[in-house]
Amino acid sequence: MAIKRTDFTGRFHRIVEVGNMIYLAGVTARNAHEDAGAQTSDILTQIDELLAKAGASKRDIVTANIWLADIGDFTTMNASWDAWVEKEHAPVRATVESRLARPELKVEIQVQATRASDD
């Protein structure tokens, strides 16, 4: 099965496709000086854009992993997530507290999706 890699950053690809599966690299906010809610909203916008490049949408997300620099931001992050996700298409999800790559980052999200949508 062929592996398609796109959106190379110089270190890794942001999108890897294998068959009907789409794997996104962890996504962080473009403006890391915003609060966790704004960072989450920006990340989700980027995820929409990346999935569209791969011919998918948020409805096709199977699983999401979320890392928070401070678990105290859980409610703020969830407010942005809940406004974005379609409840009937919500993926499985895990959220943990973790030190992120840069101290100003508050949220990182990675998703896996499939083109086998049941729209």
PDB file of N, CA and C in Angstrom:
ATOM      1  N   MET A   1       0.843  -1.161   0.000  1.00  0.00           N
ATOM      2  CA  MET A   1       0.000   0.000   0.000  1.00  0.00           C
ATOM      3  C   MET A   1       0.896   1.236   0.000  1.00  0.00           C
ATOM      4  N   ALA A   2       0.624   2.171  -0.884  1.00  0.00           N
ATOM      5  CA  ALA A   2       1.446   3.377  -1.014  1.00  0.00           C
ATOM      6  C   ALA A   2       1.212   4.333   0.157  1.00  0.00           C
ATOM      7  N   ILE A   3       2.280   5.008   0.538  1.00  0.00           N
ATOM      8  CA  ILE A   3       2.215   6.042   1.563  1.00  0.00           C
ATOM      9  C   ILE A   3       2.397   7.384   0.876  1.00  0.00           C
ATOM     10  N   LYS A   4       1.461   8.291   1.095  1.00  0.00           N
ATOM     11  CA  LYS A   4       1.536   9.635   0.519  1.00  0.00           C
ATOM     12  C   LYS A   4       1.834  10.616   1.648  1.00  0.00           C
ATOM     13  N   ARG A   5       2.894  11.392   1.478  1.00  0.00           N
ATOM     14  CA  ARG A   5       3.293  12.372   2.486  1.00  0.00           C
ATOM     15  C   ARG A   5       3.215  13.765   1.875  1.00  0.00           C
ATOM     16  N   THR A   6       2.559  14.703   2.573  1.00  0.00           N
ATOM     17  CA  THR A   6       2.450  16.068   2.068  1.00  0.00           C
ATOM     18  C   THR A   6       2.662  17.074   3.201  1.00  0.00           C
ATOM     19  N   ASP A   7       2.829  18.326   2.808  1.00  0.00           N
ATOM     20  CA  ASP A   7       3.042  19.440   3.735  1.00  0.00           C
ATOM     21  C   ASP A   7       4.303  19.250   4.580  1.00  0.00           C
ATOM     22  N   PHE A   8       5.428  19.107   3.909  1.00  0.00           N
ATOM     23  CA  PHE A   8       6.707  18.918   4.604  1.00  0.00           C
ATOM     24  C   PHE A   8       7.132  20.219   5.268  1.00  0.00           C
ATOM     25  N   THR A   9       7.511  20.164   6.516  1.00  0.00           N
ATOM     26  CA  THR A   9       7.896  21.348   7.284  1.00  0.00           C
ATOM     27  C   THR A   9       9.402  21.590   7.288  1.00  0.00           C
ATOM     28  N   GLY A  10      10.166  20.664   6.752  1.00  0.00           N
ATOM     29  CA  GLY A  10      11.611  20.713   6.885  1.00  0.00           C
ATOM     30  C   GLY A  10      12.094  19.673   7.895  1.00  0.00           C
ATOM     31  N   ARG A  11      11.182  19.205   8.723  1.00  0.00           N
ATOM     32  CA  ARG A  11      11.503  18.180   9.718  1.00  0.00           C
ATOM     33  C   ARG A  11      10.559  16.988   9.631  1.00  0.00           C
ATOM     34  N   PHE A  12       9.299  17.242   9.330  1.00  0.00           N
ATOM     35  CA  PHE A  12       8.297  16.173   9.242  1.00  0.00           C
ATOM     36  C   PHE A  12       7.185  16.610   8.293  1.00  0.00           C
ATOM     37  N   HIS A  13       6.390  15.644   7.874  1.00  0.00           N
ATOM     38  CA  HIS A  13       5.211  15.943   7.052  1.00  0.00           C
ATOM     39  C   HIS A  13       4.029  16.182   7.983  1.00  0.00           C
ATOM     40  N   ARG A  14       3.204  17.127   7.639  1.00  0.00           N
ATOM     41  CA  ARG A  14       2.024  17.415   8.456  1.00  0.00           C
ATOM     42  C   ARG A  14       0.881  16.463   8.144  1.00  0.00           C
ATOM     43  N   ILE A  15       0.903  15.856   6.942  1.00  0.00           N
ATOM     44  CA  ILE A  15      -0.142  14.913   6.532  1.00  0.00           C
ATOM     45  C   ILE A  15       0.519  13.655   5.973  1.00  0.00           C
ATOM     46  N   VAL A  16       0.105  12.498   6.457  1.00  0.00           N
ATOM     47  CA  VAL A  16       0.525  11.221   5.893  1.00  0.00           C
ATOM     48  C   VAL A  16      -0.743  10.408   5.645  1.00  0.00           C
ATOM     49  N   GLU A  17      -0.848   9.888   4.425  1.00  0.00           N
ATOM     50  CA  GLU A  17      -2.021   9.100   4.044  1.00  0.00           C
ATOM     51  C   GLU A  17      -1.584   7.683   3.687  1.00  0.00           C
ATOM     52  N   VAL A  18      -2.301   6.706   4.227  1.00  0.00           N
ATOM     53  CA  VAL A  18      -2.069   5.296   3.927  1.00  0.00           C
ATOM     54  C   VAL A  18      -3.437   4.677   3.680  1.00  0.00           C
ATOM     55  N   GLY A  19      -3.682   4.280   2.444  1.00  0.00           N
ATOM     56  CA  GLY A  19      -5.017   3.776   2.111  1.00  0.00           C
ATOM     57  C   GLY A  19      -6.046   4.858   2.375  1.00  0.00           C
ATOM     58  N   ASN A  20      -7.094   4.518   3.116  1.00  0.00           N
ATOM     59  CA  ASN A  20      -8.128   5.497   3.464  1.00  0.00           C
ATOM     60  C   ASN A  20      -7.838   6.256   4.750  1.00  0.00           C
ATOM     61  N   MET A  21      -6.727   5.937   5.407  1.00  0.00           N
ATOM     62  CA  MET A  21      -6.394   6.594   6.678  1.00  0.00           C
ATOM     63  C   MET A  21      -5.561   7.850   6.439  1.00  0.00           C
ATOM     64  N   ILE A  22      -5.865   8.873   7.223  1.00  0.00           N
ATOM     65  CA  ILE A  22      -5.165  10.147   7.171  1.00  0.00           C
ATOM     66  C   ILE A  22      -4.628  10.424   8.571  1.00  0.00           C
ATOM     67  N   TYR A  23      -3.332  10.647   8.664  1.00  0.00           N
ATOM     68  CA  TYR A  23      -2.675  10.924   9.932  1.00  0.00           C
ATOM     69  C   TYR A  23      -2.145  12.352   9.886  1.00  0.00           C
ATOM     70  N   LEU A  24      -2.536  13.165  10.845  1.00  0.00           N
ATOM     71  CA  LEU A  24      -1.996  14.511  10.929  1.00  0.00           C
ATOM     72  C   LEU A  24      -0.957  14.561  12.039  1.00  0.00           C
ATOM     73  N   ALA A  25       0.083  15.345  11.798  1.00  0.00           N
ATOM     74  CA  ALA A  25       1.064  15.606  12.852  1.00  0.00           C
ATOM     75  C   ALA A  25       0.387  16.432  13.942  1.00  0.00           C
ATOM     76  N   GLY A  26       0.992  16.498  15.093  1.00  0.00           N
ATOM     77  CA  GLY A  26       0.471  17.359  16.145  1.00  0.00           C
ATOM     78  C   GLY A  26       0.419  18.794  15.645  1.00  0.00           C
ATOM     79  N   VAL A  27      -0.673  19.475  15.939  1.00  0.00           N
ATOM     80  CA  VAL A  27      -0.879  20.848  15.480  1.00  0.00           C
ATOM     81  C   VAL A  27      -0.883  21.769  16.703  1.00  0.00           C
ATOM     82  N   THR A  28      -0.118  22.860  16.597  1.00  0.00           N
ATOM     83  CA  THR A  28      -0.090  23.875  17.641  1.00  0.00           C
ATOM     84  C   THR A  28      -0.551  25.206  17.053  1.00  0.00           C
ATOM     85  N   ALA A  29      -0.851  26.142  17.908  1.00  0.00           N
ATOM     86  CA  ALA A  29      -1.373  27.442  17.489  1.00  0.00           C
ATOM     87  C   ALA A  29      -0.314  28.254  16.751  1.00  0.00           C
ATOM     88  N   ARG A  30      -0.776  29.003  15.762  1.00  0.00           N
ATOM     89  CA  ARG A  30       0.113  29.913  15.033  1.00  0.00           C
ATOM     90  C   ARG A  30       0.508  31.084  15.913  1.00  0.00           C
ATOM     91  N   ASN A  31      -0.410  31.539  16.777  1.00  0.00           N
ATOM     92  CA  ASN A  31      -0.097  32.608  17.732  1.00  0.00           C
ATOM     93  C   ASN A  31      -0.126  31.988  19.120  1.00  0.00           C
ATOM     94  N   ALA A  32       1.040  31.618  19.594  1.00  0.00           N
ATOM     95  CA  ALA A  32       1.135  30.904  20.863  1.00  0.00           C
ATOM     96  C   ALA A  32       0.980  31.812  22.076  1.00  0.00           C
ATOM     97  N   HIS A  33       0.758  33.088  21.853  1.00  0.00           N
ATOM     98  CA  HIS A  33       0.610  34.006  22.986  1.00  0.00           C
ATOM     99  C   HIS A  33      -0.845  34.236  23.365  1.00  0.00           C
ATOM    100  N   GLU A  34      -1.768  33.510  22.717  1.00  0.00           N
ATOM    101  CA  GLU A  34      -3.192  33.568  23.052  1.00  0.00           C
ATOM    102  C   GLU A  34      -3.472  32.613  24.217  1.00  0.00           C
ATOM    103  N   ASP A  35      -4.692  32.709  24.768  1.00  0.00           N
ATOM    104  CA  ASP A  35      -5.063  31.781  25.835  1.00  0.00           C
ATOM    105  C   ASP A  35      -5.395  30.402  25.239  1.00  0.00           C
ATOM    106  N   ALA A  36      -5.650  29.446  26.098  1.00  0.00           N
ATOM    107  CA  ALA A  36      -5.873  28.063  25.642  1.00  0.00           C
ATOM    108  C   ALA A  36      -7.091  27.951  24.731  1.00  0.00           C
ATOM    109  N   GLY A  37      -8.130  28.713  24.981  1.00  0.00           N
ATOM    110  CA  GLY A  37      -9.315  28.659  24.133  1.00  0.00           C
ATOM    111  C   GLY A  37      -9.025  29.160  22.726  1.00  0.00           C
ATOM    112  N   ALA A  38      -8.332  30.285  22.622  1.00  0.00           N
ATOM    113  CA  ALA A  38      -7.982  30.834  21.307  1.00  0.00           C
ATOM    114  C   ALA A  38      -6.990  29.928  20.590  1.00  0.00           C
ATOM    115  N   GLN A  39      -6.035  29.376  21.326  1.00  0.00           N
ATOM    116  CA  GLN A  39      -5.096  28.438  20.708  1.00  0.00           C
ATOM    117  C   GLN A  39      -5.852  27.223  20.168  1.00  0.00           C
ATOM    118  N   THR A  40      -6.780  26.702  20.942  1.00  0.00           N
ATOM    119  CA  THR A  40      -7.550  25.540  20.493  1.00  0.00           C
ATOM    120  C   THR A  40      -8.343  25.870  19.235  1.00  0.00           C
ATOM    121  N   SER A  41      -8.998  27.018  19.212  1.00  0.00           N
ATOM    122  CA  SER A  41      -9.766  27.414  18.024  1.00  0.00           C
ATOM    123  C   SER A  41      -8.882  27.504  16.790  1.00  0.00           C
ATOM    124  N   ASP A  42      -7.696  28.081  16.937  1.00  0.00           N
ATOM    125  CA  ASP A  42      -6.769  28.180  15.809  1.00  0.00           C
ATOM    126  C   ASP A  42      -6.316  26.795  15.355  1.00  0.00           C
ATOM    127  N   ILE A  43      -6.011  25.934  16.295  1.00  0.00           N
ATOM    128  CA  ILE A  43      -5.587  24.567  15.961  1.00  0.00           C
ATOM    129  C   ILE A  43      -6.690  23.844  15.188  1.00  0.00           C
ATOM    130  N   LEU A  44      -7.928  23.984  15.628  1.00  0.00           N
ATOM    131  CA  LEU A  44      -9.039  23.305  14.968  1.00  0.00           C
ATOM    132  C   LEU A  44      -9.257  23.848  13.557  1.00  0.00           C
ATOM    133  N   THR A  45      -9.045  25.130  13.358  1.00  0.00           N
ATOM    134  CA  THR A  45      -9.105  25.706  12.014  1.00  0.00           C
ATOM    135  C   THR A  45      -8.025  25.096  11.133  1.00  0.00           C
ATOM    136  N   GLN A  46      -6.824  24.951  11.678  1.00  0.00           N
ATOM    137  CA  GLN A  46      -5.735  24.326  10.921  1.00  0.00           C
ATOM    138  C   GLN A  46      -6.052  22.868  10.593  1.00  0.00           C
ATOM    139  N   ILE A  47      -6.646  22.154  11.537  1.00  0.00           N
ATOM    140  CA  ILE A  47      -7.025  20.766  11.292  1.00  0.00           C
ATOM    141  C   ILE A  47      -8.041  20.697  10.160  1.00  0.00           C
ATOM    142  N   ASP A  48      -9.025  21.596  10.156  1.00  0.00           N
ATOM    143  CA  ASP A  48      -9.988  21.653   9.047  1.00  0.00           C
ATOM    144  C   ASP A  48      -9.255  21.827   7.724  1.00  0.00           C
ATOM    145  N   GLU A  49      -8.286  22.738   7.674  1.00  0.00           N
ATOM    146  CA  GLU A  49      -7.535  23.022   6.452  1.00  0.00           C
ATOM    147  C   GLU A  49      -6.712  21.815   5.996  1.00  0.00           C
ATOM    148  N   LEU A  50      -6.025  21.173   6.941  1.00  0.00           N
ATOM    149  CA  LEU A  50      -5.194  20.018   6.602  1.00  0.00           C
ATOM    150  C   LEU A  50      -6.047  18.847   6.115  1.00  0.00           C
ATOM    151  N   LEU A  51      -7.146  18.592   6.797  1.00  0.00           N
ATOM    152  CA  LEU A  51      -8.018  17.501   6.364  1.00  0.00           C
ATOM    153  C   LEU A  51      -8.591  17.771   4.982  1.00  0.00           C
ATOM    154  N   ALA A  52      -8.946  19.011   4.696  1.00  0.00           N
ATOM    155  CA  ALA A  52      -9.470  19.364   3.372  1.00  0.00           C
ATOM    156  C   ALA A  52      -8.433  19.063   2.289  1.00  0.00           C
ATOM    157  N   LYS A  53      -7.155  19.325   2.579  1.00  0.00           N
ATOM    158  CA  LYS A  53      -6.098  19.007   1.615  1.00  0.00           C
ATOM    159  C   LYS A  53      -6.050  17.516   1.305  1.00  0.00           C
ATOM    160  N   ALA A  54      -6.449  16.708   2.280  1.00  0.00           N
ATOM    161  CA  ALA A  54      -6.427  15.246   2.119  1.00  0.00           C
ATOM    162  C   ALA A  54      -7.788  14.705   1.668  1.00  0.00           C
ATOM    163  N   GLY A  55      -8.727  15.588   1.365  1.00  0.00           N
ATOM    164  CA  GLY A  55     -10.036  15.139   0.895  1.00  0.00           C
ATOM    165  C   GLY A  55     -10.950  14.641   1.990  1.00  0.00           C
ATOM    166  N   ALA A  56     -10.806  15.184   3.199  1.00  0.00           N
ATOM    167  CA  ALA A  56     -11.623  14.749   4.333  1.00  0.00           C
ATOM    168  C   ALA A  56     -12.111  15.973   5.102  1.00  0.00           C
ATOM    169  N   SER A  57     -12.844  15.714   6.174  1.00  0.00           N
ATOM    170  CA  SER A  57     -13.330  16.796   7.026  1.00  0.00           C
ATOM    171  C   SER A  57     -13.346  16.316   8.480  1.00  0.00           C
ATOM    172  N   LYS A  58     -13.730  17.207   9.381  1.00  0.00           N
ATOM    173  CA  LYS A  58     -13.772  16.839  10.795  1.00  0.00           C
ATOM    174  C   LYS A  58     -14.742  15.694  11.067  1.00  0.00           C
ATOM    175  N   ARG A  59     -15.724  15.499  10.200  1.00  0.00           N
ATOM    176  CA  ARG A  59     -16.647  14.367  10.360  1.00  0.00           C
ATOM    177  C   ARG A  59     -15.936  13.027  10.184  1.00  0.00           C
ATOM    178  N   ASP A  60     -14.785  13.043   9.546  1.00  0.00           N
ATOM    179  CA  ASP A  60     -14.040  11.817   9.260  1.00  0.00           C
ATOM    180  C   ASP A  60     -13.007  11.482  10.326  1.00  0.00           C
ATOM    181  N   ILE A  61     -12.880  12.324  11.351  1.00  0.00           N
ATOM    182  CA  ILE A  61     -11.896  12.070  12.406  1.00  0.00           C
ATOM    183  C   ILE A  61     -12.333  10.862  13.231  1.00  0.00           C
ATOM    184  N   VAL A  62     -11.405   9.939  13.408  1.00  0.00           N
ATOM    185  CA  VAL A  62     -11.657   8.724  14.174  1.00  0.00           C
ATOM    186  C   VAL A  62     -11.182   8.898  15.615  1.00  0.00           C
ATOM    187  N   THR A  63     -10.019   9.512  15.782  1.00  0.00           N
ATOM    188  CA  THR A  63      -9.440   9.674  17.109  1.00  0.00           C
ATOM    189  C   THR A  63      -8.705  11.001  17.201  1.00  0.00           C
ATOM    190  N   ALA A  64      -8.732  11.579  18.393  1.00  0.00           N
ATOM    191  CA  ALA A  64      -8.011  12.827  18.655  1.00  0.00           C
ATOM    192  C   ALA A  64      -7.231  12.676  19.948  1.00  0.00           C
ATOM    193  N   ASN A  65      -5.994  13.150  19.933  1.00  0.00           N
ATOM    194  CA  ASN A  65      -5.162  13.200  21.132  1.00  0.00           C
ATOM    195  C   ASN A  65      -4.877  14.665  21.414  1.00  0.00           C
ATOM    196  N   ILE A  66      -5.122  15.079  22.645  1.00  0.00           N
ATOM    197  CA  ILE A  66      -4.935  16.470  23.029  1.00  0.00           C
ATOM    198  C   ILE A  66      -3.972  16.527  24.208  1.00  0.00           C
ATOM    199  N   TRP A  67      -2.976  17.393  24.059  1.00  0.00           N
ATOM    200  CA  TRP A  67      -2.012  17.633  25.121  1.00  0.00           C
ATOM    201  C   TRP A  67      -2.195  19.056  25.607  1.00  0.00           C
ATOM    202  N   LEU A  68      -2.320  19.227  26.919  1.00  0.00           N
ATOM    203  CA  LEU A  68      -2.426  20.538  27.543  1.00  0.00           C
ATOM    204  C   LEU A  68      -1.200  20.769  28.413  1.00  0.00           C
ATOM    205  N   ALA A  69      -0.598  21.940  28.297  1.00  0.00           N
ATOM    206  CA  ALA A  69       0.536  22.267  29.156  1.00  0.00           C
ATOM    207  C   ALA A  69       0.093  22.351  30.614  1.00  0.00           C
ATOM    208  N   ASP A  70      -1.160  22.749  30.815  1.00  0.00           N
ATOM    209  CA  ASP A  70      -1.735  22.868  32.159  1.00  0.00           C
ATOM    210  C   ASP A  70      -3.144  22.288  32.120  1.00  0.00           C
ATOM    211  N   ILE A  71      -3.375  21.207  32.833  1.00  0.00           N
ATOM    212  CA  ILE A  71      -4.686  20.563  32.831  1.00  0.00           C
ATOM    213  C   ILE A  71      -5.770  21.512  33.356  1.00  0.00           C
ATOM    214  N   GLY A  72      -5.353  22.583  34.015  1.00  0.00           N
ATOM    215  CA  GLY A  72      -6.296  23.613  34.454  1.00  0.00           C
ATOM    216  C   GLY A  72      -6.992  24.310  33.289  1.00  0.00           C
ATOM    217  N   ASP A  73      -6.431  24.179  32.069  1.00  0.00           N
ATOM    218  CA  ASP A  73      -7.036  24.752  30.862  1.00  0.00           C
ATOM    219  C   ASP A  73      -8.056  23.808  30.208  1.00  0.00           C
ATOM    220  N   PHE A  74      -8.358  22.695  30.860  1.00  0.00           N
ATOM    221  CA  PHE A  74      -9.256  21.684  30.288  1.00  0.00           C
ATOM    222  C   PHE A  74     -10.624  22.270  29.912  1.00  0.00           C
ATOM    223  N   THR A  75     -11.221  23.040  30.808  1.00  0.00           N
ATOM    224  CA  THR A  75     -12.546  23.610  30.548  1.00  0.00           C
ATOM    225  C   THR A  75     -12.496  24.621  29.405  1.00  0.00           C
ATOM    226  N   THR A  76     -11.479  25.462  29.387  1.00  0.00           N
ATOM    227  CA  THR A  76     -11.328  26.473  28.330  1.00  0.00           C
ATOM    228  C   THR A  76     -11.114  25.800  26.978  1.00  0.00           C
ATOM    229  N   MET A  77     -10.252  24.800  26.932  1.00  0.00           N
ATOM    230  CA  MET A  77     -10.016  24.061  25.690  1.00  0.00           C
ATOM    231  C   MET A  77     -11.305  23.395  25.237  1.00  0.00           C
ATOM    232  N   ASN A  78     -12.032  22.756  26.163  1.00  0.00           N
ATOM    233  CA  ASN A  78     -13.271  22.060  25.818  1.00  0.00           C
ATOM    234  C   ASN A  78     -14.335  23.005  25.273  1.00  0.00           C
ATOM    235  N   ALA A  79     -14.373  24.247  25.718  1.00  0.00           N
ATOM    236  CA  ALA A  79     -15.356  25.202  25.197  1.00  0.00           C
ATOM    237  C   ALA A  79     -15.130  25.405  23.698  1.00  0.00           C
ATOM    238  N   SER A  80     -13.871  25.534  23.278  1.00  0.00           N
ATOM    239  CA  SER A  80     -13.569  25.685  21.849  1.00  0.00           C
ATOM    240  C   SER A  80     -13.840  24.389  21.102  1.00  0.00           C
ATOM    241  N   TRP A  81     -13.441  23.272  21.693  1.00  0.00           N
ATOM    242  CA  TRP A  81     -13.675  21.956  21.073  1.00  0.00           C
ATOM    243  C   TRP A  81     -15.175  21.721  20.874  1.00  0.00           C
ATOM    244  N   ASP A  82     -15.958  21.961  21.931  1.00  0.00           N
ATOM    245  CA  ASP A  82     -17.402  21.696  21.870  1.00  0.00           C
ATOM    246  C   ASP A  82     -18.103  22.573  20.830  1.00  0.00           C
ATOM    247  N   ALA A  83     -17.618  23.793  20.625  1.00  0.00           N
ATOM    248  CA  ALA A  83     -18.197  24.675  19.616  1.00  0.00           C
ATOM    249  C   ALA A  83     -17.867  24.201  18.200  1.00  0.00           C
ATOM    250  N   TRP A  84     -16.798  23.428  18.061  1.00  0.00           N
ATOM    251  CA  TRP A  84     -16.310  22.986  16.747  1.00  0.00           C
ATOM    252  C   TRP A  84     -16.821  21.604  16.355  1.00  0.00           C
ATOM    253  N   VAL A  85     -16.786  20.671  17.274  1.00  0.00           N
ATOM    254  CA  VAL A  85     -17.099  19.280  16.941  1.00  0.00           C
ATOM    255  C   VAL A  85     -18.606  19.101  16.753  1.00  0.00           C
ATOM    256  N   GLU A  86     -18.971  18.284  15.782  1.00  0.00           N
ATOM    257  CA  GLU A  86     -20.368  17.909  15.600  1.00  0.00           C
ATOM    258  C   GLU A  86     -20.617  16.700  16.498  1.00  0.00           C
ATOM    259  N   LYS A  87     -21.509  16.850  17.434  1.00  0.00           N
ATOM    260  CA  LYS A  87     -21.710  15.810  18.462  1.00  0.00           C
ATOM    261  C   LYS A  87     -21.935  14.418  17.872  1.00  0.00           C
ATOM    262  N   GLU A  88     -22.712  14.330  16.784  1.00  0.00           N
ATOM    263  CA  GLU A  88     -22.992  13.019  16.194  1.00  0.00           C
ATOM    264  C   GLU A  88     -21.786  12.443  15.457  1.00  0.00           C
ATOM    265  N   HIS A  89     -20.738  13.237  15.268  1.00  0.00           N
ATOM    266  CA  HIS A  89     -19.530  12.771  14.591  1.00  0.00           C
ATOM    267  C   HIS A  89     -18.299  12.921  15.488  1.00  0.00           C
ATOM    268  N   ALA A  90     -18.506  13.030  16.780  1.00  0.00           N
ATOM    269  CA  ALA A  90     -17.383  13.208  17.705  1.00  0.00           C
ATOM    270  C   ALA A  90     -16.494  11.960  17.704  1.00  0.00           C
ATOM    271  N   PRO A  91     -15.176  12.158  17.616  1.00  0.00           N
ATOM    272  CA  PRO A  91     -14.265  11.010  17.638  1.00  0.00           C
ATOM    273  C   PRO A  91     -14.013  10.534  19.069  1.00  0.00           C
ATOM    274  N   VAL A  92     -13.348   9.397  19.184  1.00  0.00           N
ATOM    275  CA  VAL A  92     -12.809   9.032  20.493  1.00  0.00           C
ATOM    276  C   VAL A  92     -11.698  10.036  20.777  1.00  0.00           C
ATOM    277  N   ARG A  93     -11.402  10.248  22.056  1.00  0.00           N
ATOM    278  CA  ARG A  93     -10.462  11.315  22.380  1.00  0.00           C
ATOM    279  C   ARG A  93      -9.769  11.034  23.695  1.00  0.00           C
ATOM    280  N   ALA A  94      -8.516  11.470  23.786  1.00  0.00           N
ATOM    281  CA  ALA A  94      -7.779  11.435  25.042  1.00  0.00           C
ATOM    282  C   ALA A  94      -7.161  12.815  25.255  1.00  0.00           C
ATOM    283  N   THR A  95      -7.168  13.266  26.491  1.00  0.00           N
ATOM    284  CA  THR A  95      -6.566  14.553  26.838  1.00  0.00           C
ATOM    285  C   THR A  95      -5.684  14.351  28.058  1.00  0.00           C
ATOM    286  N   VAL A  96      -4.451  14.818  27.964  1.00  0.00           N
ATOM    287  CA  VAL A  96      -3.512  14.681  29.080  1.00  0.00           C
ATOM    288  C   VAL A  96      -2.732  15.978  29.271  1.00  0.00           C
ATOM    289  N   GLU A  97      -2.181  16.132  30.450  1.00  0.00           N
ATOM    290  CA  GLU A  97      -1.271  17.247  30.718  1.00  0.00           C
ATOM    291  C   GLU A  97       0.141  16.808  30.346  1.00  0.00           C
ATOM    292  N   SER A  98       0.850  17.695  29.665  1.00  0.00           N
ATOM    293  CA  SER A  98       2.199  17.360  29.216  1.00  0.00           C
ATOM    294  C   SER A  98       2.992  18.635  28.973  1.00  0.00           C
ATOM    295  N   ARG A  99       4.278  18.567  29.187  1.00  0.00           N
ATOM    296  CA  ARG A  99       5.125  19.695  28.806  1.00  0.00           C
ATOM    297  C   ARG A  99       5.200  19.711  27.288  1.00  0.00           C
ATOM    298  N   LEU A 100       4.936  20.874  26.677  1.00  0.00           N
ATOM    299  CA  LEU A 100       4.946  20.995  25.224  1.00  0.00           C
ATOM    300  C   LEU A 100       6.287  21.538  24.748  1.00  0.00           C
ATOM    301  N   ALA A 101       6.472  21.578  23.425  1.00  0.00           N
ATOM    302  CA  ALA A 101       7.779  21.888  22.836  1.00  0.00           C
ATOM    303  C   ALA A 101       8.286  23.296  23.165  1.00  0.00           C
ATOM    304  N   ARG A 102       7.364  24.241  23.333  1.00  0.00           N
ATOM    305  CA  ARG A 102       7.756  25.611  23.693  1.00  0.00           C
ATOM    306  C   ARG A 102       6.894  26.060  24.872  1.00  0.00           C
ATOM    307  N   PRO A 103       7.444  26.815  25.796  1.00  0.00           N
ATOM    308  CA  PRO A 103       6.695  27.171  27.012  1.00  0.00           C
ATOM    309  C   PRO A 103       5.421  27.979  26.763  1.00  0.00           C
ATOM    310  N   GLU A 104       5.349  28.743  25.678  1.00  0.00           N
ATOM    311  CA  GLU A 104       4.155  29.550  25.414  1.00  0.00           C
ATOM    312  C   GLU A 104       3.008  28.731  24.819  1.00  0.00           C
ATOM    313  N   LEU A 105       3.289  27.526  24.350  1.00  0.00           N
ATOM    314  CA  LEU A 105       2.230  26.665  23.819  1.00  0.00           C
ATOM    315  C   LEU A 105       1.390  26.116  24.959  1.00  0.00           C
ATOM    316  N   LYS A 106       0.084  26.189  24.791  1.00  0.00           N
ATOM    317  CA  LYS A 106      -0.824  25.684  25.814  1.00  0.00           C
ATOM    318  C   LYS A 106      -1.541  24.412  25.385  1.00  0.00           C
ATOM    319  N   VAL A 107      -1.654  24.192  24.051  1.00  0.00           N
ATOM    320  CA  VAL A 107      -2.433  23.073  23.521  1.00  0.00           C
ATOM    321  C   VAL A 107      -1.732  22.508  22.286  1.00  0.00           C
ATOM    322  N   GLU A 108      -1.782  21.197  22.141  1.00  0.00           N
ATOM    323  CA  GLU A 108      -1.390  20.523  20.903  1.00  0.00           C
ATOM    324  C   GLU A 108      -2.417  19.437  20.648  1.00  0.00           C
ATOM    325  N   ILE A 109      -2.850  19.328  19.382  1.00  0.00           N
ATOM    326  CA  ILE A 109      -3.851  18.323  19.029  1.00  0.00           C
ATOM    327  C   ILE A 109      -3.373  17.543  17.814  1.00  0.00           C
ATOM    328  N   GLN A 110      -3.519  16.233  17.873  1.00  0.00           N
ATOM    329  CA  GLN A 110      -3.210  15.354  16.746  1.00  0.00           C
ATOM    330  C   GLN A 110      -4.425  14.489  16.476  1.00  0.00           C
ATOM    331  N   VAL A 111      -4.773  14.349  15.192  1.00  0.00           N
ATOM    332  CA  VAL A 111      -5.933  13.530  14.840  1.00  0.00           C
ATOM    333  C   VAL A 111      -5.577  12.512  13.768  1.00  0.00           C
ATOM    334  N   GLN A 112      -6.393  11.482  13.724  1.00  0.00           N
ATOM    335  CA  GLN A 112      -6.365  10.490  12.660  1.00  0.00           C
ATOM    336  C   GLN A 112      -7.772  10.417  12.098  1.00  0.00           C
ATOM    337  N   ALA A 113      -7.871  10.364  10.772  1.00  0.00           N
ATOM    338  CA  ALA A 113      -9.178  10.361  10.107  1.00  0.00           C
ATOM    339  C   ALA A 113      -9.193   9.308   9.010  1.00  0.00           C
ATOM    340  N   THR A 114     -10.383   9.074   8.496  1.00  0.00           N
ATOM    341  CA  THR A 114     -10.547   8.145   7.382  1.00  0.00           C
ATOM    342  C   THR A 114     -11.458   8.769   6.338  1.00  0.00           C
ATOM    343  N   ARG A 115     -11.295   8.371   5.102  1.00  0.00           N
ATOM    344  CA  ARG A 115     -12.176   8.862   4.059  1.00  0.00           C
ATOM    345  C   ARG A 115     -13.482   8.059   3.993  1.00  0.00           C
ATOM    346  N   ALA A 116     -13.653   7.095   4.849  1.00  0.00           N
ATOM    347  CA  ALA A 116     -14.843   6.229   4.846  1.00  0.00           C
ATOM    348  C   ALA A 116     -15.971   6.865   5.654  1.00  0.00           C
ATOM    349  N   SER A 117     -16.315   8.094   5.324  1.00  0.00           N
ATOM    350  CA  SER A 117     -17.346   8.839   6.052  1.00  0.00           C
ATOM    351  C   SER A 117     -18.730   8.263   5.772  1.00  0.00           C
ATOM    352  N   ASP A 118     -19.590   8.369   6.776  1.00  0.00           N
ATOM    353  CA  ASP A 118     -20.970   7.889   6.625  1.00  0.00           C
ATOM    354  C   ASP A 118     -21.951   9.051   6.557  1.00  0.00           C
ATOM    355  N   ASP A 119     -21.506  10.144   5.888  1.00  0.00           N
ATOM    356  CA  ASP A 119     -22.348  11.344   5.772  1.00  0.00           C
ATOM    357  C   ASP A 119     -23.691  10.926   5.348  1.00  0.00           C
TER     358      ASP A 119
END
